């Protein structure tokens, strides 16, 4: 990886803990109604693990994002299997359900464990191997997608909205669909992933 990130030195294998986990857990417990990734990033702004990240702004932002998501998905598994607690990770907010699920009612498997995003963020090599140029290519590809009216139209159709719907309408519709199709509520994980992908695309496209 280009830049000055020492993250890989702190986590060279699966046994080494993500250095953000204790502080992430404190932030989650302090926000019972949920907290956004932006708020998590602000809350961790002075964390020593962020002190030696890359100089490149976009790569540095990616590294912070990846470390936070890695920590969240690591906590999601550990809290479920060790304490029966559910950590819900969505584009709108991250929420820790403090009240444990009764063991007698708890499935042996982590809900939505086939989530492709989890597999990506739990692979620390994705962080170590992503360069500033990789991030620029990702951003360029996303910008090209945003400029493609067909891609944007498909995203609106996935959410059941008319083209040009406002950011508030997109957010409201996502919440409605997520409540229906989330795997934890008996929904289809593939449908949920598509809904979430469409929401993320439109949210970022409307900000650009």
Protein backbone atom coordinates (compact mmCIF):
# COMPACT_ATOMS: atom_id res chain seq x y z
CA UNK A 1 0.00 0.00 0.00
CA UNK A 2 1.26 3.48 -0.74
CA UNK A 3 1.31 6.12 1.95
CA UNK A 4 2.29 5.75 5.61
CA UNK A 5 -0.35 3.39 6.97
CA UNK A 6 1.01 1.26 9.82
CA UNK A 7 -2.31 -0.56 10.17
CA UNK A 8 -0.93 -3.76 8.69
CA UNK A 9 1.84 -3.77 11.30
CA UNK A 10 -0.80 -3.65 14.02
CA UNK A 11 -2.84 -6.46 12.47
CA UNK A 12 -0.68 -8.93 10.57
CA UNK A 13 -2.98 -11.88 11.09
CA UNK A 14 -6.50 -12.80 12.13
CA UNK A 15 -5.46 -13.10 15.80
CA UNK A 16 -4.41 -9.45 16.16
CA UNK A 17 -7.33 -7.22 17.23
CA UNK A 18 -8.52 -4.19 15.32
CA UNK A 19 -7.23 -1.28 17.45
CA UNK A 20 -10.53 0.60 17.07
CA UNK A 21 -12.75 -2.08 18.63
CA UNK A 22 -12.83 -0.89 22.29
CA UNK A 23 -13.66 2.69 21.29
CA UNK A 24 -16.16 1.53 18.66
CA UNK A 25 -17.97 -0.49 21.30
CA UNK A 26 -18.09 2.50 23.64
CA UNK A 27 -19.56 4.70 20.89
CA UNK A 28 -22.16 2.05 20.01
CA UNK A 29 -23.22 1.56 23.63
CA UNK A 30 -23.53 5.33 23.98
CA UNK A 31 -25.94 5.56 21.04
CA UNK A 32 -28.82 3.14 21.73
CA UNK A 33 -30.90 4.67 18.92
CA UNK A 34 -28.14 4.13 16.38
CA UNK A 35 -25.18 6.10 15.05
CA UNK A 36 -23.96 6.96 11.55
CA UNK A 37 -20.57 5.99 10.17
CA UNK A 38 -19.77 9.71 9.89
CA UNK A 39 -20.39 10.14 13.63
CA UNK A 40 -18.25 7.10 14.37
CA UNK A 41 -15.44 8.54 12.28
CA UNK A 42 -15.71 11.89 14.07
CA UNK A 43 -15.73 10.13 17.43
CA UNK A 44 -12.54 8.28 16.51
CA UNK A 45 -10.84 11.29 14.91
CA UNK A 46 -8.06 11.49 17.50
CA UNK A 47 -7.51 7.73 17.79
CA UNK A 48 -3.79 6.83 17.64
CA UNK A 49 -4.51 4.24 14.94
CA UNK A 50 -5.45 7.11 12.59
CA UNK A 51 -2.25 9.05 13.28
CA UNK A 52 -0.06 7.40 10.65
CA UNK A 53 -2.42 6.85 7.74
CA UNK A 54 -1.66 7.83 4.14
CA UNK A 55 -1.06 11.45 3.20
CA UNK A 56 -3.33 11.15 0.15
CA UNK A 57 -6.74 12.47 1.26
CA UNK A 58 -8.93 9.96 -0.61
CA UNK A 59 -6.78 6.99 0.42
CA UNK A 60 -6.72 8.19 4.02
CA UNK A 61 -10.51 8.44 4.03
CA UNK A 62 -10.78 4.93 2.56
CA UNK A 63 -8.42 3.58 5.23
CA UNK A 64 -10.49 5.13 8.04
CA UNK A 65 -13.70 3.79 6.48
CA UNK A 66 -12.25 0.31 6.06
CA UNK A 67 -10.89 0.13 9.62
CA UNK A 68 -14.25 1.19 11.04
CA UNK A 69 -16.18 -1.32 8.93
CA UNK A 70 -13.70 -4.09 9.76
CA UNK A 71 -14.16 -3.31 13.44
CA UNK A 72 -17.95 -3.26 13.15
CA UNK A 73 -18.17 -6.59 11.31
CA UNK A 74 -15.68 -8.14 13.75
CA UNK A 75 -17.82 -6.93 16.66
CA UNK A 76 -20.98 -8.14 14.93
CA UNK A 77 -19.74 -11.73 14.97
CA UNK A 78 -18.18 -11.64 18.42
CA UNK A 79 -21.15 -10.01 20.14
CA UNK A 80 -23.60 -12.43 18.54
CA UNK A 81 -21.74 -15.61 19.41
CA UNK A 82 -20.39 -14.51 22.79
CA UNK A 83 -23.29 -12.48 24.20
CA UNK A 84 -26.30 -13.01 21.95
CA UNK A 85 -26.28 -9.29 21.07
CA UNK A 86 -27.25 -8.08 17.60
CA UNK A 87 -25.30 -5.37 15.81
CA UNK A 88 -27.19 -4.05 12.79
CA UNK A 89 -25.01 -2.40 10.15
CA UNK A 90 -26.78 -0.42 7.44
CA UNK A 91 -26.05 2.64 5.29
CA UNK A 92 -28.33 4.77 7.47
CA UNK A 93 -27.01 3.82 10.87
CA UNK A 94 -25.25 1.26 13.02
CA UNK A 95 -27.17 0.05 16.03
CA UNK A 96 -26.33 -2.27 18.88
CA UNK A 97 -29.32 -4.00 20.41
CA UNK A 98 -28.34 -4.11 24.07
CA UNK A 99 -31.01 -6.55 25.21
CA UNK A 100 -29.75 -10.05 24.40
CA UNK A 101 -31.82 -12.47 22.37
CA UNK A 102 -32.90 -15.33 24.66
CA UNK A 103 -30.51 -18.18 24.01
CA UNK A 104 -33.43 -20.58 23.55
CA UNK A 105 -34.72 -18.41 20.68
CA UNK A 106 -31.34 -17.58 19.15
CA UNK A 107 -30.23 -19.23 15.93
CA UNK A 108 -26.83 -20.87 16.05
CA UNK A 109 -25.79 -18.90 12.98
CA UNK A 110 -25.08 -15.22 12.68
CA UNK A 111 -27.99 -13.52 10.84
CA UNK A 112 -27.18 -12.66 7.20
CA UNK A 113 -23.78 -14.33 7.55
CA UNK A 114 -23.41 -14.68 3.77
CA UNK A 115 -23.32 -10.89 3.39
CA UNK A 116 -20.69 -10.14 0.73
CA UNK A 117 -19.80 -6.84 2.35
CA UNK A 118 -18.86 -8.64 5.57
CA UNK A 119 -16.48 -10.94 3.70
CA UNK A 120 -14.84 -7.96 2.01
CA UNK A 121 -14.36 -5.87 5.14
CA UNK A 122 -13.12 -8.77 7.26
CA UNK A 123 -10.29 -9.35 4.77
CA UNK A 124 -7.56 -7.09 6.17
CA UNK A 125 -5.51 -7.56 3.00
CA UNK A 126 -8.07 -5.40 1.19
CA UNK A 127 -6.83 -2.52 3.34
CA UNK A 128 -3.15 -3.35 2.99
CA UNK A 129 -3.29 -3.80 -0.76
CA UNK A 130 -5.46 -0.81 -1.73
CA UNK A 131 -3.40 2.07 -3.09
CA UNK A 132 -4.24 5.71 -3.75
CA UNK A 133 -4.52 4.85 -7.44
CA UNK A 134 -6.96 2.04 -6.64
CA UNK A 135 -9.15 4.48 -4.71
CA UNK A 136 -9.03 6.99 -7.57
CA UNK A 137 -10.09 4.28 -10.01
CA UNK A 138 -12.97 3.32 -7.73
CA UNK A 139 -14.06 6.95 -7.48
CA UNK A 140 -13.74 7.45 -11.23
CA UNK A 141 -15.78 4.32 -11.87
CA UNK A 142 -18.47 5.51 -9.48
CA UNK A 143 -18.53 8.94 -11.13
CA UNK A 144 -19.00 7.28 -14.53
CA UNK A 145 -21.83 5.18 -13.10
CA UNK A 146 -23.50 8.30 -11.73
CA UNK A 147 -23.33 9.87 -15.17
CA UNK A 148 -24.99 6.82 -16.76
CA UNK A 149 -28.76 7.51 -16.82
CA UNK A 150 -29.50 3.78 -17.19
CA UNK A 151 -27.69 2.91 -13.97
CA UNK A 152 -29.46 5.70 -12.09
CA UNK A 153 -32.83 4.66 -13.53
CA UNK A 154 -32.32 1.06 -12.41
CA UNK A 155 -31.51 2.28 -8.89
CA UNK A 156 -34.75 4.29 -8.77
CA UNK A 157 -36.69 1.29 -10.09
CA UNK A 158 -35.17 -0.99 -7.44
CA UNK A 159 -36.55 1.33 -4.78
CA UNK A 160 -39.84 1.73 -6.61
CA UNK A 161 -39.38 5.47 -7.14
CA UNK A 162 -39.81 7.84 -10.03
CA UNK A 163 -36.63 9.24 -11.57
CA UNK A 164 -35.58 12.45 -9.86
CA UNK A 165 -37.03 11.57 -6.46
CA UNK A 166 -35.67 13.76 -3.67
CA UNK A 167 -33.06 12.63 -1.18
CA UNK A 168 -35.72 12.54 1.54
CA UNK A 169 -37.96 10.32 -0.62
CA UNK A 170 -35.03 7.99 -1.34
CA UNK A 171 -34.20 7.76 2.36
CA UNK A 172 -37.82 7.19 3.37
CA UNK A 173 -38.35 4.52 0.73
CA UNK A 174 -35.16 2.71 1.71
CA UNK A 175 -36.23 2.58 5.34
CA UNK A 176 -39.61 1.18 4.33
CA UNK A 177 -38.14 -1.52 2.08
CA UNK A 178 -35.37 -2.40 4.52
CA UNK A 179 -37.94 -3.02 7.23
CA UNK A 180 -39.71 -5.46 4.90
CA UNK A 181 -36.83 -7.37 3.36
CA UNK A 182 -34.08 -7.39 6.01
CA UNK A 183 -32.99 -11.02 6.64
CA UNK A 184 -33.38 -10.53 10.39
CA UNK A 185 -37.07 -9.90 9.73
CA UNK A 186 -37.55 -12.93 7.51
CA UNK A 187 -36.70 -11.19 4.25
CA UNK A 188 -34.52 -12.27 1.33
CA UNK A 189 -30.85 -11.35 1.80
CA UNK A 190 -30.25 -10.93 -1.95
CA UNK A 191 -33.18 -8.53 -2.26
CA UNK A 192 -31.97 -6.60 0.77
CA UNK A 193 -28.47 -6.28 -0.70
CA UNK A 194 -29.88 -4.93 -3.98
CA UNK A 195 -32.08 -2.43 -2.13
CA UNK A 196 -29.13 -1.29 -0.05
CA UNK A 197 -26.89 -1.01 -3.12
CA UNK A 198 -29.49 1.12 -4.92
CA UNK A 199 -29.88 3.35 -1.87
CA UNK A 200 -26.11 3.82 -1.48
CA UNK A 201 -25.76 4.63 -5.18
CA UNK A 202 -28.52 7.26 -5.17
CA UNK A 203 -27.43 8.78 -1.88
CA UNK A 204 -23.89 9.29 -3.14
CA UNK A 205 -25.03 10.36 -6.61
CA UNK A 206 -27.25 13.06 -5.12
CA UNK A 207 -24.35 14.37 -3.06
CA UNK A 208 -21.95 14.57 -6.01
